[in-house]
């Protein structure tokens, strides 16, 4: 979770308790967090080798308001379907020498094999990697990776780099918004 608060902004402008000061501050915070959300999605997608849209679906932005000058960006830890990791069907030779179906996926740059898995398209158009629960055709279960939050925070320094980027972007946006709202008086 990323939080931007008023404490990181020039307090001289905020002593003017007019509506313009609050509007400028909340606008700067919201523009910063939109930029940060895009940056988080881009870096996470590059690091995990998945599409940016998969990450964007799991990011929630709660914007700042004039009365609450704080914005939060949350990454929900929902698991990502294995089909998002470049899944491909392959034929695999089992221990008995018999050919079996399988699927390979690229997780963190390494292609891994899922024996007994298969790619299927559901009637609603969703593509997924599935595996049978028993010997019968049904039931089947969809396979997922670890959650995104665990994958991104696993000792990579990801959060600290994003928070540094947020601080720098907030300074630029705040100066720009302050000038804009002061000229509108």
C-alpha atoms as a PDB file:
ATOM      1  CA  UNK A   1       0.000   0.000   0.000  1.00  0.00           C
ATOM      2  CA  UNK A   2       1.298   3.448  -0.918  1.00  0.00           C
ATOM      3  CA  UNK A   3       0.238   6.565   0.994  1.00  0.00           C
ATOM      4  CA  UNK A   4       0.879  10.213   0.092  1.00  0.00           C
ATOM      5  CA  UNK A   5       0.092  12.727   2.831  1.00  0.00           C
ATOM      6  CA  UNK A   6       0.148  16.489   3.242  1.00  0.00           C
ATOM      7  CA  UNK A   7       3.207  16.287   5.500  1.00  0.00           C
ATOM      8  CA  UNK A   8       5.419  15.777   2.456  1.00  0.00           C
ATOM      9  CA  UNK A   9       4.261  19.061   0.868  1.00  0.00           C
ATOM     10  CA  UNK A  10       5.346  22.695   1.381  1.00  0.00           C
ATOM     11  CA  UNK A  11       3.363  23.836   4.420  1.00  0.00           C
ATOM     12  CA  UNK A  12       3.672  27.571   3.612  1.00  0.00           C
ATOM     13  CA  UNK A  13       1.037  27.374   0.922  1.00  0.00           C
ATOM     14  CA  UNK A  14      -1.226  25.301   3.154  1.00  0.00           C
ATOM     15  CA  UNK A  15      -1.393  27.999   5.847  1.00  0.00           C
ATOM     16  CA  UNK A  16      -3.794  29.717   3.491  1.00  0.00           C
ATOM     17  CA  UNK A  17      -6.839  27.650   4.383  1.00  0.00           C
ATOM     18  CA  UNK A  18      -8.779  28.745   1.338  1.00  0.00           C
ATOM     19  CA  UNK A  19     -10.538  26.303  -0.888  1.00  0.00           C
ATOM     20  CA  UNK A  20      -7.941  26.964  -3.575  1.00  0.00           C
ATOM     21  CA  UNK A  21      -5.115  25.606  -1.431  1.00  0.00           C
ATOM     22  CA  UNK A  22      -7.055  22.439  -0.674  1.00  0.00           C
ATOM     23  CA  UNK A  23      -8.018  22.007  -4.319  1.00  0.00           C
ATOM     24  CA  UNK A  24      -4.445  22.457  -5.499  1.00  0.00           C
ATOM     25  CA  UNK A  25      -3.138  19.990  -2.949  1.00  0.00           C
ATOM     26  CA  UNK A  26      -5.739  17.309  -3.625  1.00  0.00           C
ATOM     27  CA  UNK A  27      -5.287  17.748  -7.373  1.00  0.00           C
ATOM     28  CA  UNK A  28      -1.507  17.349  -7.083  1.00  0.00           C
ATOM     29  CA  UNK A  29      -1.871  14.240  -4.926  1.00  0.00           C
ATOM     30  CA  UNK A  30      -4.393  12.637  -7.293  1.00  0.00           C
ATOM     31  CA  UNK A  31      -2.307  13.338 -10.403  1.00  0.00           C
ATOM     32  CA  UNK A  32       0.723  11.916  -8.635  1.00  0.00           C
ATOM     33  CA  UNK A  33      -1.065   8.744  -7.625  1.00  0.00           C
ATOM     34  CA  UNK A  34      -2.386   8.163 -11.159  1.00  0.00           C
ATOM     35  CA  UNK A  35       1.190   8.385 -12.412  1.00  0.00           C
ATOM     36  CA  UNK A  36       2.382   6.085  -9.619  1.00  0.00           C
ATOM     37  CA  UNK A  37      -0.360   3.548 -10.417  1.00  0.00           C
ATOM     38  CA  UNK A  38       0.763   3.423 -14.031  1.00  0.00           C
ATOM     39  CA  UNK A  39       4.419   3.087 -12.976  1.00  0.00           C
ATOM     40  CA  UNK A  40       3.604   0.268 -10.525  1.00  0.00           C
ATOM     41  CA  UNK A  41       1.699  -1.628 -13.196  1.00  0.00           C
ATOM     42  CA  UNK A  42       4.457  -1.166 -15.778  1.00  0.00           C
ATOM     43  CA  UNK A  43       7.298  -2.224 -13.478  1.00  0.00           C
ATOM     44  CA  UNK A  44       5.353  -5.165 -12.055  1.00  0.00           C
ATOM     45  CA  UNK A  45       4.441  -6.363 -15.544  1.00  0.00           C
ATOM     46  CA  UNK A  46       8.085  -6.153 -16.644  1.00  0.00           C
ATOM     47  CA  UNK A  47       9.341  -7.887 -13.527  1.00  0.00           C
ATOM     48  CA  UNK A  48       6.786 -10.722 -13.663  1.00  0.00           C
ATOM     49  CA  UNK A  49       6.620 -10.962 -17.476  1.00  0.00           C
ATOM     50  CA  UNK A  50       2.840 -10.520 -17.643  1.00  0.00           C
ATOM     51  CA  UNK A  51       0.547  -7.979 -19.307  1.00  0.00           C
ATOM     52  CA  UNK A  52       0.148  -4.585 -17.692  1.00  0.00           C
ATOM     53  CA  UNK A  53      -3.654  -4.930 -17.720  1.00  0.00           C
ATOM     54  CA  UNK A  54      -3.477  -7.969 -15.439  1.00  0.00           C
ATOM     55  CA  UNK A  55      -1.735  -5.852 -12.796  1.00  0.00           C
ATOM     56  CA  UNK A  56      -3.966  -2.795 -13.354  1.00  0.00           C
ATOM     57  CA  UNK A  57      -7.048  -4.880 -12.547  1.00  0.00           C
ATOM     58  CA  UNK A  58      -5.587  -5.590  -9.107  1.00  0.00           C
ATOM     59  CA  UNK A  59      -4.665  -1.984  -8.244  1.00  0.00           C
ATOM     60  CA  UNK A  60      -7.185   0.178  -6.388  1.00  0.00           C
ATOM     61  CA  UNK A  61      -6.718   3.932  -6.089  1.00  0.00           C
ATOM     62  CA  UNK A  62      -8.540   5.921  -3.422  1.00  0.00           C
ATOM     63  CA  UNK A  63      -8.130   9.559  -4.341  1.00  0.00           C
ATOM     64  CA  UNK A  64      -7.608  12.602  -2.159  1.00  0.00           C
ATOM     65  CA  UNK A  65     -10.359  15.108  -1.469  1.00  0.00           C
ATOM     66  CA  UNK A  66     -10.288  18.679  -0.195  1.00  0.00           C
ATOM     67  CA  UNK A  67     -11.288  17.471   3.274  1.00  0.00           C
ATOM     68  CA  UNK A  68      -9.021  14.406   3.281  1.00  0.00           C
ATOM     69  CA  UNK A  69      -5.629  15.221   1.760  1.00  0.00           C
ATOM     70  CA  UNK A  70      -4.401  11.670   1.493  1.00  0.00           C
ATOM     71  CA  UNK A  71      -4.479   9.117  -1.284  1.00  0.00           C
ATOM     72  CA  UNK A  72      -3.850   5.379  -1.126  1.00  0.00           C
ATOM     73  CA  UNK A  73      -2.928   2.890  -3.802  1.00  0.00           C
ATOM     74  CA  UNK A  74      -3.630  -0.705  -2.830  1.00  0.00           C
ATOM     75  CA  UNK A  75      -2.482  -3.840  -4.577  1.00  0.00           C
ATOM     76  CA  UNK A  76      -4.930  -6.634  -3.978  1.00  0.00           C
ATOM     77  CA  UNK A  77      -3.218  -9.958  -3.554  1.00  0.00           C
ATOM     78  CA  UNK A  78      -5.542 -11.893  -5.809  1.00  0.00           C
ATOM     79  CA  UNK A  79      -3.841 -14.819  -7.468  1.00  0.00           C
ATOM     80  CA  UNK A  80      -3.070 -14.518 -11.167  1.00  0.00           C
ATOM     81  CA  UNK A  81      -4.218 -17.242 -13.570  1.00  0.00           C
ATOM     82  CA  UNK A  82      -1.316 -19.208 -15.067  1.00  0.00           C
ATOM     83  CA  UNK A  83      -2.649 -18.460 -18.553  1.00  0.00           C
ATOM     84  CA  UNK A  84      -1.387 -14.869 -18.037  1.00  0.00           C
ATOM     85  CA  UNK A  85       2.194 -16.129 -17.903  1.00  0.00           C
ATOM     86  CA  UNK A  86       2.537 -17.053 -21.593  1.00  0.00           C
ATOM     87  CA  UNK A  87       1.054 -20.560 -21.362  1.00  0.00           C
ATOM     88  CA  UNK A  88       1.696 -23.013 -24.215  1.00  0.00           C
ATOM     89  CA  UNK A  89       0.567 -26.601 -24.687  1.00  0.00           C
ATOM     90  CA  UNK A  90       3.311 -29.203 -25.045  1.00  0.00           C
ATOM     91  CA  UNK A  91       3.622 -32.953 -25.355  1.00  0.00           C
ATOM     92  CA  UNK A  92       5.585 -34.444 -22.475  1.00  0.00           C
ATOM     93  CA  UNK A  93       7.114 -37.900 -22.146  1.00  0.00           C
ATOM     94  CA  UNK A  94       6.218 -39.387 -18.797  1.00  0.00           C
ATOM     95  CA  UNK A  95       8.312 -41.805 -16.721  1.00  0.00           C
ATOM     96  CA  UNK A  96       6.763 -44.744 -18.573  1.00  0.00           C
ATOM     97  CA  UNK A  97       7.785 -43.244 -21.922  1.00  0.00           C
ATOM     98  CA  UNK A  98       4.177 -42.525 -22.771  1.00  0.00           C
ATOM     99  CA  UNK A  99       3.284 -39.127 -24.274  1.00  0.00           C
ATOM    100  CA  UNK A 100       1.168 -36.884 -22.056  1.00  0.00           C
ATOM    101  CA  UNK A 101      -0.202 -33.413 -22.453  1.00  0.00           C
ATOM    102  CA  UNK A 102       1.249 -30.593 -20.434  1.00  0.00           C
ATOM    103  CA  UNK A 103       1.550 -26.833 -20.324  1.00  0.00           C
ATOM    104  CA  UNK A 104       4.576 -24.589 -19.967  1.00  0.00           C
ATOM    105  CA  UNK A 105       4.476 -21.096 -18.445  1.00  0.00           C
ATOM    106  CA  UNK A 106       7.114 -18.385 -17.986  1.00  0.00           C
ATOM    107  CA  UNK A 107       7.278 -17.272 -14.355  1.00  0.00           C
ATOM    108  CA  UNK A 108       9.951 -14.624 -13.584  1.00  0.00           C
ATOM    109  CA  UNK A 109      11.763 -15.340 -16.844  1.00  0.00           C
ATOM    110  CA  UNK A 110      12.029 -19.122 -16.352  1.00  0.00           C
ATOM    111  CA  UNK A 111       9.843 -21.492 -18.392  1.00  0.00           C
ATOM    112  CA  UNK A 112       8.329 -24.138 -16.131  1.00  0.00           C
ATOM    113  CA  UNK A 113       6.331 -27.227 -17.037  1.00  0.00           C
ATOM    114  CA  UNK A 114       2.963 -28.212 -15.577  1.00  0.00           C
ATOM    115  CA  UNK A 115       2.520 -31.929 -16.265  1.00  0.00           C
ATOM    116  CA  UNK A 116      -1.072 -33.010 -16.804  1.00  0.00           C
ATOM    117  CA  UNK A 117      -2.280 -29.439 -17.303  1.00  0.00           C
ATOM    118  CA  UNK A 118      -4.143 -28.315 -20.385  1.00  0.00           C
ATOM    119  CA  UNK A 119      -5.257 -25.062 -21.970  1.00  0.00           C
ATOM    120  CA  UNK A 120      -8.992 -24.617 -22.405  1.00  0.00           C
ATOM    121  CA  UNK A 121     -11.330 -21.860 -23.504  1.00  0.00           C
ATOM    122  CA  UNK A 122     -14.496 -21.555 -21.463  1.00  0.00           C
ATOM    123  CA  UNK A 123     -17.857 -20.738 -23.118  1.00  0.00           C
ATOM    124  CA  UNK A 124     -17.581 -17.122 -21.907  1.00  0.00           C
ATOM    125  CA  UNK A 125     -14.248 -16.738 -23.784  1.00  0.00           C
ATOM    126  CA  UNK A 126     -11.922 -17.009 -20.768  1.00  0.00           C
ATOM    127  CA  UNK A 127      -8.722 -18.938 -21.490  1.00  0.00           C
ATOM    128  CA  UNK A 128      -7.111 -20.759 -18.614  1.00  0.00           C
ATOM    129  CA  UNK A 129      -4.718 -23.515 -17.578  1.00  0.00           C
ATOM    130  CA  UNK A 130      -6.682 -26.358 -16.018  1.00  0.00           C
ATOM    131  CA  UNK A 131      -5.985 -29.716 -14.427  1.00  0.00           C
ATOM    132  CA  UNK A 132      -8.292 -32.635 -13.718  1.00  0.00           C
ATOM    133  CA  UNK A 133      -9.015 -33.320 -10.043  1.00  0.00           C
ATOM    134  CA  UNK A 134      -9.298 -37.078 -10.469  1.00  0.00           C
ATOM    135  CA  UNK A 135      -9.266 -39.743 -13.166  1.00  0.00           C
ATOM    136  CA  UNK A 136     -12.630 -38.660 -14.602  1.00  0.00           C
ATOM    137  CA  UNK A 137     -13.110 -35.886 -17.149  1.00  0.00           C
ATOM    138  CA  UNK A 138     -14.788 -33.674 -14.597  1.00  0.00           C
ATOM    139  CA  UNK A 139     -14.295 -31.891 -12.256  1.00  0.00           C
ATOM    140  CA  UNK A 140     -11.432 -29.700 -13.369  1.00  0.00           C
ATOM    141  CA  UNK A 141      -9.739 -26.853 -11.515  1.00  0.00           C
ATOM    142  CA  UNK A 142      -8.014 -23.762 -12.811  1.00  0.00           C
ATOM    143  CA  UNK A 143      -4.378 -23.255 -11.847  1.00  0.00           C
ATOM    144  CA  UNK A 144      -3.103 -19.973 -10.415  1.00  0.00           C
ATOM    145  CA  UNK A 145       0.259 -18.505  -9.460  1.00  0.00           C
ATOM    146  CA  UNK A 146       1.154 -16.935  -6.122  1.00  0.00           C
ATOM    147  CA  UNK A 147      -0.515 -13.627  -5.378  1.00  0.00           C
ATOM    148  CA  UNK A 148       1.012 -10.485  -6.881  1.00  0.00           C
ATOM    149  CA  UNK A 149       1.693  -8.822  -3.552  1.00  0.00           C
ATOM    150  CA  UNK A 150       3.888 -11.705  -2.391  1.00  0.00           C
ATOM    151  CA  UNK A 151       5.706 -11.875  -5.721  1.00  0.00           C
ATOM    152  CA  UNK A 152       6.502  -8.145  -5.789  1.00  0.00           C
ATOM    153  CA  UNK A 153       7.488  -7.644  -2.158  1.00  0.00           C
ATOM    154  CA  UNK A 154       9.756 -10.680  -1.933  1.00  0.00           C
ATOM    155  CA  UNK A 155      12.990  -8.820  -1.109  1.00  0.00           C
ATOM    156  CA  UNK A 156      13.233  -6.823  -4.336  1.00  0.00           C
ATOM    157  CA  UNK A 157      13.137  -3.249  -2.995  1.00  0.00           C
ATOM    158  CA  UNK A 158      10.112  -2.646  -5.190  1.00  0.00           C
ATOM    159  CA  UNK A 159       8.156  -0.610  -2.624  1.00  0.00           C
ATOM    160  CA  UNK A 160      11.005   1.727  -1.708  1.00  0.00           C
ATOM    161  CA  UNK A 161      11.744   2.573  -5.347  1.00  0.00           C
ATOM    162  CA  UNK A 162       8.068   3.328  -6.014  1.00  0.00           C
ATOM    163  CA  UNK A 163       7.768   5.517  -2.913  1.00  0.00           C
ATOM    164  CA  UNK A 164      10.850   7.497  -3.970  1.00  0.00           C
ATOM    165  CA  UNK A 165       9.333   7.994  -7.411  1.00  0.00           C
ATOM    166  CA  UNK A 166       6.061   9.121  -5.781  1.00  0.00           C
ATOM    167  CA  UNK A 167       7.842  11.741  -3.660  1.00  0.00           C
ATOM    168  CA  UNK A 168       9.641  13.238  -6.660  1.00  0.00           C
ATOM    169  CA  UNK A 169       6.513  13.264  -8.815  1.00  0.00           C
ATOM    170  CA  UNK A 170       4.486  14.858  -6.024  1.00  0.00           C
ATOM    171  CA  UNK A 171       6.957  17.741  -5.731  1.00  0.00           C
ATOM    172  CA  UNK A 172       6.687  18.483  -9.466  1.00  0.00           C
ATOM    173  CA  UNK A 173       2.901  18.154  -9.548  1.00  0.00           C
ATOM    174  CA  UNK A 174       2.448  20.259  -6.433  1.00  0.00           C
ATOM    175  CA  UNK A 175       4.473  23.165  -7.836  1.00  0.00           C
ATOM    176  CA  UNK A 176       2.543  22.998 -11.114  1.00  0.00           C
ATOM    177  CA  UNK A 177      -0.879  22.837  -9.413  1.00  0.00           C
ATOM    178  CA  UNK A 178       0.032  25.609  -6.977  1.00  0.00           C
ATOM    179  CA  UNK A 179       0.975  27.915  -9.874  1.00  0.00           C
ATOM    180  CA  UNK A 180      -2.175  26.993 -11.777  1.00  0.00           C
ATOM    181  CA  UNK A 181      -4.540  27.697  -8.876  1.00  0.00           C
ATOM    182  CA  UNK A 182      -2.743  30.906  -7.877  1.00  0.00           C
ATOM    183  CA  UNK A 183      -3.110  32.326 -11.402  1.00  0.00           C
ATOM    184  CA  UNK A 184      -6.847  31.560 -11.357  1.00  0.00           C
ATOM    185  CA  UNK A 185      -7.525  33.923  -8.413  1.00  0.00           C
END
